[in-house]
């Protein structure tokens, strides 16, 4: 199976970013995955290899709101920040996973910041 050049390029960027970033239990990594229709975010403790918290645009409370994909992304970021606050996490490291920091990826970061997560 031949991969698309755009996918290969994003994977190379993603691996370069992951070489420099790592999350811990105190300051986890906020990882973003963006598909054409949905967006998924996770707080990951790389030391123990565990996902601490996760949120996506498929969650019932977010999916029920009929808004644009960018506004949905902002809601997903805020939802993850609320879950992190319940677990006592106030800071994280942002991992854009090779996507440009623009549009939906930026909206996730803005939503998380507005809800109290620092990075």
N, C-alpha and C. Protein backbone atom coordinates (compact mmCIF):
# COMPACT_ATOMS: atom_id res chain seq x y z
N UNK A 1 0.84 -1.18 0.00
CA UNK A 1 0.00 0.00 0.00
C UNK A 1 0.88 1.24 0.00
N UNK A 2 0.67 2.10 -0.97
CA UNK A 2 1.45 3.32 -1.07
C UNK A 2 0.78 4.43 -0.25
N UNK A 3 1.55 5.06 0.61
CA UNK A 3 1.00 6.14 1.43
C UNK A 3 1.05 7.45 0.69
N UNK A 4 0.13 8.30 0.99
CA UNK A 4 0.07 9.63 0.41
C UNK A 4 1.25 10.45 0.94
N UNK A 5 1.83 11.29 0.09
CA UNK A 5 2.98 12.11 0.49
C UNK A 5 2.64 13.01 1.67
N UNK A 6 1.41 13.51 1.72
CA UNK A 6 0.99 14.39 2.80
C UNK A 6 1.01 13.65 4.14
N UNK A 7 0.58 12.38 4.12
CA UNK A 7 0.57 11.56 5.33
C UNK A 7 1.99 11.27 5.79
N UNK A 8 2.86 10.92 4.84
CA UNK A 8 4.25 10.62 5.17
C UNK A 8 4.93 11.86 5.75
N UNK A 9 4.69 13.01 5.17
CA UNK A 9 5.28 14.25 5.66
C UNK A 9 4.82 14.55 7.08
N UNK A 10 3.52 14.37 7.35
CA UNK A 10 2.99 14.64 8.69
C UNK A 10 3.59 13.67 9.71
N UNK A 11 3.78 12.40 9.31
CA UNK A 11 4.36 11.43 10.23
C UNK A 11 5.81 11.79 10.58
N UNK A 12 6.57 12.28 9.62
CA UNK A 12 7.95 12.69 9.89
C UNK A 12 7.99 13.86 10.85
N UNK A 13 7.11 14.83 10.64
CA UNK A 13 7.02 15.98 11.54
C UNK A 13 6.60 15.51 12.93
N UNK A 14 5.63 14.60 12.98
CA UNK A 14 5.11 14.07 14.24
C UNK A 14 6.21 13.37 15.04
N UNK A 15 7.03 12.56 14.37
CA UNK A 15 8.10 11.84 15.06
C UNK A 15 9.16 12.83 15.56
N UNK A 16 9.42 13.89 14.81
CA UNK A 16 10.36 14.91 15.27
C UNK A 16 9.87 15.63 16.51
N UNK A 17 8.58 15.92 16.53
CA UNK A 17 7.99 16.58 17.70
C UNK A 17 8.06 15.64 18.91
N UNK A 18 7.74 14.36 18.70
CA UNK A 18 7.73 13.40 19.81
C UNK A 18 9.12 13.14 20.38
N UNK A 19 10.16 13.35 19.56
CA UNK A 19 11.52 13.21 20.06
C UNK A 19 11.83 14.27 21.12
N UNK A 20 11.20 15.45 20.96
CA UNK A 20 11.49 16.57 21.84
C UNK A 20 10.53 16.67 23.02
N UNK A 21 9.31 16.11 22.90
CA UNK A 21 8.29 16.21 23.95
C UNK A 21 8.10 14.91 24.67
N UNK A 22 7.80 15.01 25.95
CA UNK A 22 7.40 13.84 26.72
C UNK A 22 6.54 14.31 27.88
N UNK A 23 5.53 13.54 28.19
CA UNK A 23 4.65 13.89 29.28
C UNK A 23 4.92 13.04 30.50
N UNK A 24 4.65 13.60 31.67
CA UNK A 24 4.79 12.86 32.92
C UNK A 24 3.45 12.89 33.64
N UNK A 25 3.38 12.28 34.80
CA UNK A 25 2.12 12.28 35.56
C UNK A 25 1.78 13.70 36.02
N UNK A 26 2.81 14.49 36.38
CA UNK A 26 2.58 15.85 36.85
C UNK A 26 2.26 16.80 35.69
N UNK A 27 2.92 16.60 34.56
CA UNK A 27 2.73 17.46 33.38
C UNK A 27 2.57 16.58 32.15
N UNK A 28 1.35 16.07 31.90
CA UNK A 28 1.14 15.14 30.79
C UNK A 28 1.18 15.82 29.42
N UNK A 29 1.24 14.99 28.39
CA UNK A 29 1.25 15.47 27.01
C UNK A 29 -0.18 15.51 26.50
N UNK A 30 -0.59 16.66 25.95
CA UNK A 30 -1.92 16.79 25.35
C UNK A 30 -1.77 16.51 23.86
N UNK A 31 -2.22 15.33 23.44
CA UNK A 31 -2.07 14.89 22.07
C UNK A 31 -3.36 15.10 21.30
N UNK A 32 -3.25 15.59 20.06
CA UNK A 32 -4.41 15.90 19.22
C UNK A 32 -4.40 14.98 18.00
N UNK A 33 -5.55 14.39 17.68
CA UNK A 33 -5.72 13.70 16.41
C UNK A 33 -6.93 14.30 15.71
N UNK A 34 -6.74 14.65 14.46
CA UNK A 34 -7.79 15.32 13.70
C UNK A 34 -8.13 14.47 12.48
N UNK A 35 -9.40 14.06 12.37
CA UNK A 35 -9.85 13.38 11.16
C UNK A 35 -10.68 14.40 10.36
N UNK A 36 -11.22 13.97 9.24
CA UNK A 36 -12.01 14.90 8.43
C UNK A 36 -13.25 15.38 9.17
N UNK A 37 -13.85 14.52 9.95
CA UNK A 37 -15.12 14.86 10.60
C UNK A 37 -15.01 15.11 12.09
N UNK A 38 -14.07 14.46 12.77
CA UNK A 38 -13.99 14.54 14.23
C UNK A 38 -12.61 14.96 14.69
N UNK A 39 -12.52 15.25 16.00
CA UNK A 39 -11.24 15.57 16.62
C UNK A 39 -11.17 14.87 17.97
N UNK A 40 -10.00 14.34 18.28
CA UNK A 40 -9.81 13.57 19.50
C UNK A 40 -8.60 14.14 20.24
N UNK A 41 -8.69 14.28 21.56
CA UNK A 41 -7.57 14.75 22.36
C UNK A 41 -7.39 13.82 23.57
N UNK A 42 -6.14 13.67 23.99
CA UNK A 42 -5.82 12.83 25.14
C UNK A 42 -4.75 13.50 25.98
N UNK A 43 -4.81 13.29 27.28
CA UNK A 43 -3.71 13.63 28.17
C UNK A 43 -2.97 12.33 28.45
N UNK A 44 -1.69 12.29 28.10
CA UNK A 44 -0.93 11.04 28.16
C UNK A 44 0.27 11.19 29.08
N UNK A 45 0.44 10.20 29.97
CA UNK A 45 1.62 10.08 30.82
C UNK A 45 2.58 9.14 30.09
N UNK A 46 3.62 9.69 29.47
CA UNK A 46 4.54 8.87 28.67
C UNK A 46 5.47 8.02 29.53
N UNK A 47 5.71 8.43 30.77
CA UNK A 47 6.58 7.65 31.66
C UNK A 47 5.97 6.28 31.94
N UNK A 48 4.66 6.28 32.26
CA UNK A 48 3.97 5.02 32.57
C UNK A 48 3.23 4.46 31.37
N UNK A 49 3.14 5.21 30.27
CA UNK A 49 2.45 4.75 29.08
C UNK A 49 0.94 4.65 29.29
N UNK A 50 0.36 5.60 30.00
CA UNK A 50 -1.07 5.58 30.31
C UNK A 50 -1.76 6.84 29.80
N UNK A 51 -3.01 6.67 29.36
CA UNK A 51 -3.85 7.80 29.02
C UNK A 51 -4.57 8.23 30.30
N UNK A 52 -4.40 9.48 30.69
CA UNK A 52 -4.98 9.99 31.93
C UNK A 52 -6.42 10.43 31.71
N UNK A 53 -6.65 11.17 30.63
CA UNK A 53 -7.99 11.66 30.32
C UNK A 53 -8.11 11.81 28.81
N UNK A 54 -9.33 11.73 28.31
CA UNK A 54 -9.56 11.86 26.87
C UNK A 54 -10.89 12.53 26.62
N UNK A 55 -10.99 13.18 25.47
CA UNK A 55 -12.24 13.80 25.03
C UNK A 55 -12.26 13.79 23.52
N UNK A 56 -13.46 13.79 22.95
CA UNK A 56 -13.56 13.82 21.49
C UNK A 56 -14.85 14.50 21.09
N UNK A 57 -14.95 14.79 19.81
CA UNK A 57 -16.17 15.41 19.28
C UNK A 57 -17.30 14.40 19.20
N UNK A 58 -17.03 13.13 19.50
CA UNK A 58 -18.08 12.11 19.50
C UNK A 58 -18.76 11.97 20.86
N UNK A 59 -18.28 12.67 21.88
CA UNK A 59 -18.93 12.65 23.19
C UNK A 59 -20.34 13.19 23.04
N UNK A 60 -21.28 12.61 23.78
CA UNK A 60 -22.70 12.93 23.61
C UNK A 60 -23.02 14.40 23.87
N UNK A 61 -22.43 14.99 24.92
CA UNK A 61 -22.74 16.38 25.24
C UNK A 61 -22.20 17.35 24.18
N UNK A 62 -21.13 16.98 23.50
CA UNK A 62 -20.55 17.83 22.45
C UNK A 62 -21.25 17.59 21.12
N UNK A 63 -21.53 16.33 20.82
CA UNK A 63 -22.16 15.98 19.54
C UNK A 63 -23.58 16.55 19.42
N UNK A 64 -24.25 16.71 20.57
CA UNK A 64 -25.63 17.21 20.55
C UNK A 64 -25.71 18.68 20.12
N UNK A 65 -24.62 19.42 20.30
CA UNK A 65 -24.60 20.83 19.89
C UNK A 65 -24.29 20.90 18.40
N UNK A 66 -25.12 21.59 17.67
CA UNK A 66 -24.93 21.71 16.22
C UNK A 66 -24.16 22.99 15.92
N UNK A 67 -22.83 22.88 15.93
CA UNK A 67 -21.96 24.02 15.64
C UNK A 67 -20.92 23.59 14.61
N UNK A 68 -20.10 24.53 14.16
CA UNK A 68 -19.08 24.22 13.16
C UNK A 68 -17.99 23.35 13.77
N UNK A 69 -17.14 22.78 12.91
CA UNK A 69 -16.08 21.90 13.37
C UNK A 69 -15.07 22.65 14.25
N UNK A 70 -14.79 23.90 13.92
CA UNK A 70 -13.85 24.68 14.72
C UNK A 70 -14.42 24.95 16.10
N UNK A 71 -15.69 25.31 16.18
CA UNK A 71 -16.32 25.55 17.48
C UNK A 71 -16.43 24.26 18.28
N UNK A 72 -16.67 23.14 17.60
CA UNK A 72 -16.69 21.84 18.26
C UNK A 72 -15.32 21.53 18.86
N UNK A 73 -14.26 21.86 18.13
CA UNK A 73 -12.91 21.62 18.62
C UNK A 73 -12.64 22.41 19.89
N UNK A 74 -13.15 23.62 19.94
CA UNK A 74 -12.97 24.45 21.13
C UNK A 74 -13.69 23.82 22.33
N UNK A 75 -14.88 23.27 22.08
CA UNK A 75 -15.63 22.58 23.14
C UNK A 75 -14.90 21.34 23.63
N UNK A 76 -14.26 20.62 22.71
CA UNK A 76 -13.50 19.42 23.07
C UNK A 76 -12.32 19.80 23.97
N UNK A 77 -11.61 20.87 23.63
CA UNK A 77 -10.50 21.34 24.45
C UNK A 77 -10.96 21.73 25.85
N UNK A 78 -12.09 22.42 25.93
CA UNK A 78 -12.62 22.83 27.23
C UNK A 78 -13.06 21.61 28.05
N UNK A 79 -13.64 20.62 27.38
CA UNK A 79 -14.07 19.40 28.06
C UNK A 79 -12.88 18.67 28.66
N UNK A 80 -11.80 18.56 27.90
CA UNK A 80 -10.60 17.89 28.40
C UNK A 80 -10.00 18.66 29.58
N UNK A 81 -10.01 19.98 29.50
CA UNK A 81 -9.47 20.79 30.59
C UNK A 81 -10.28 20.60 31.87
N UNK A 82 -11.60 20.48 31.75
CA UNK A 82 -12.44 20.23 32.93
C UNK A 82 -12.13 18.86 33.54
N UNK A 83 -11.94 17.85 32.68
CA UNK A 83 -11.60 16.51 33.18
C UNK A 83 -10.24 16.54 33.88
N UNK A 84 -9.29 17.29 33.32
CA UNK A 84 -7.96 17.40 33.92
C UNK A 84 -8.04 18.11 35.27
N UNK A 85 -8.86 19.14 35.38
CA UNK A 85 -9.01 19.87 36.63
C UNK A 85 -9.57 18.96 37.72
N UNK A 86 -10.51 18.09 37.35
CA UNK A 86 -11.07 17.13 38.31
C UNK A 86 -9.99 16.18 38.83
N UNK A 87 -9.00 15.87 37.99
CA UNK A 87 -7.92 14.98 38.38
C UNK A 87 -6.76 15.74 39.04
N UNK A 88 -6.88 17.06 39.15
CA UNK A 88 -5.83 17.87 39.79
C UNK A 88 -4.68 18.24 38.88
N UNK A 89 -4.88 18.19 37.58
CA UNK A 89 -3.83 18.55 36.61
C UNK A 89 -4.09 19.96 36.12
N UNK A 90 -3.08 20.83 36.26
CA UNK A 90 -3.24 22.22 35.83
C UNK A 90 -2.34 22.58 34.65
N UNK A 91 -1.29 21.78 34.40
CA UNK A 91 -0.34 22.10 33.33
C UNK A 91 -0.12 20.87 32.44
N UNK A 92 0.19 21.12 31.18
CA UNK A 92 0.48 20.03 30.24
C UNK A 92 1.42 20.53 29.15
N UNK A 93 1.85 19.60 28.31
CA UNK A 93 2.70 19.90 27.15
C UNK A 93 1.84 19.65 25.92
N UNK A 94 1.76 20.62 24.99
CA UNK A 94 0.89 20.49 23.83
C UNK A 94 1.62 19.78 22.69
N UNK A 95 1.01 18.70 22.18
CA UNK A 95 1.55 17.93 21.06
C UNK A 95 0.57 18.05 19.90
N UNK A 96 0.93 18.79 18.87
CA UNK A 96 0.03 19.02 17.75
C UNK A 96 0.05 17.88 16.74
N UNK A 97 0.86 16.87 16.97
CA UNK A 97 0.92 15.64 16.15
C UNK A 97 1.19 15.89 14.67
N UNK A 98 1.99 16.87 14.37
CA UNK A 98 2.37 17.13 12.98
C UNK A 98 1.40 18.00 12.22
N UNK A 99 0.27 18.36 12.82
CA UNK A 99 -0.67 19.26 12.16
C UNK A 99 -0.20 20.70 12.36
N UNK A 100 -0.58 21.57 11.43
CA UNK A 100 -0.26 22.98 11.60
C UNK A 100 -1.05 23.55 12.78
N UNK A 101 -0.43 24.46 13.52
CA UNK A 101 -1.11 25.09 14.65
C UNK A 101 -2.01 26.18 14.08
N UNK A 102 -3.16 25.72 13.57
CA UNK A 102 -4.06 26.61 12.85
C UNK A 102 -5.43 25.93 12.82
N UNK A 103 -6.49 26.69 12.79
CA UNK A 103 -7.82 26.12 12.62
C UNK A 103 -8.27 25.30 13.81
N UNK A 104 -8.62 24.04 13.57
CA UNK A 104 -9.19 23.18 14.61
C UNK A 104 -8.18 22.84 15.70
N UNK A 105 -6.90 22.66 15.34
CA UNK A 105 -5.88 22.35 16.33
C UNK A 105 -5.69 23.54 17.26
N UNK A 106 -5.67 24.73 16.71
CA UNK A 106 -5.55 25.95 17.53
C UNK A 106 -6.78 26.13 18.40
N UNK A 107 -7.95 25.80 17.87
CA UNK A 107 -9.20 25.92 18.63
C UNK A 107 -9.20 25.00 19.85
N UNK A 108 -8.65 23.80 19.72
CA UNK A 108 -8.54 22.89 20.86
C UNK A 108 -7.67 23.53 21.93
N UNK A 109 -6.53 24.07 21.52
CA UNK A 109 -5.61 24.70 22.47
C UNK A 109 -6.27 25.90 23.16
N UNK A 110 -6.97 26.72 22.39
CA UNK A 110 -7.64 27.89 22.96
C UNK A 110 -8.72 27.48 23.95
N UNK A 111 -9.50 26.48 23.60
CA UNK A 111 -10.55 25.99 24.49
C UNK A 111 -9.99 25.45 25.80
N UNK A 112 -8.88 24.71 25.71
CA UNK A 112 -8.25 24.16 26.91
C UNK A 112 -7.67 25.27 27.78
N UNK A 113 -7.06 26.27 27.15
CA UNK A 113 -6.49 27.39 27.91
C UNK A 113 -7.59 28.18 28.63
N UNK A 114 -8.69 28.45 27.92
CA UNK A 114 -9.78 29.22 28.51
C UNK A 114 -10.42 28.49 29.69
N UNK A 115 -10.38 27.15 29.66
CA UNK A 115 -10.96 26.35 30.74
C UNK A 115 -9.97 26.14 31.89
N UNK A 116 -8.74 26.68 31.77
CA UNK A 116 -7.82 26.65 32.89
C UNK A 116 -6.58 25.79 32.77
N UNK A 117 -6.40 25.11 31.65
CA UNK A 117 -5.21 24.27 31.46
C UNK A 117 -4.07 25.16 30.96
N UNK A 118 -2.88 24.99 31.53
CA UNK A 118 -1.73 25.84 31.14
C UNK A 118 -0.72 25.02 30.36
N UNK A 119 -0.25 25.60 29.24
CA UNK A 119 0.85 25.01 28.47
C UNK A 119 1.54 26.06 27.66
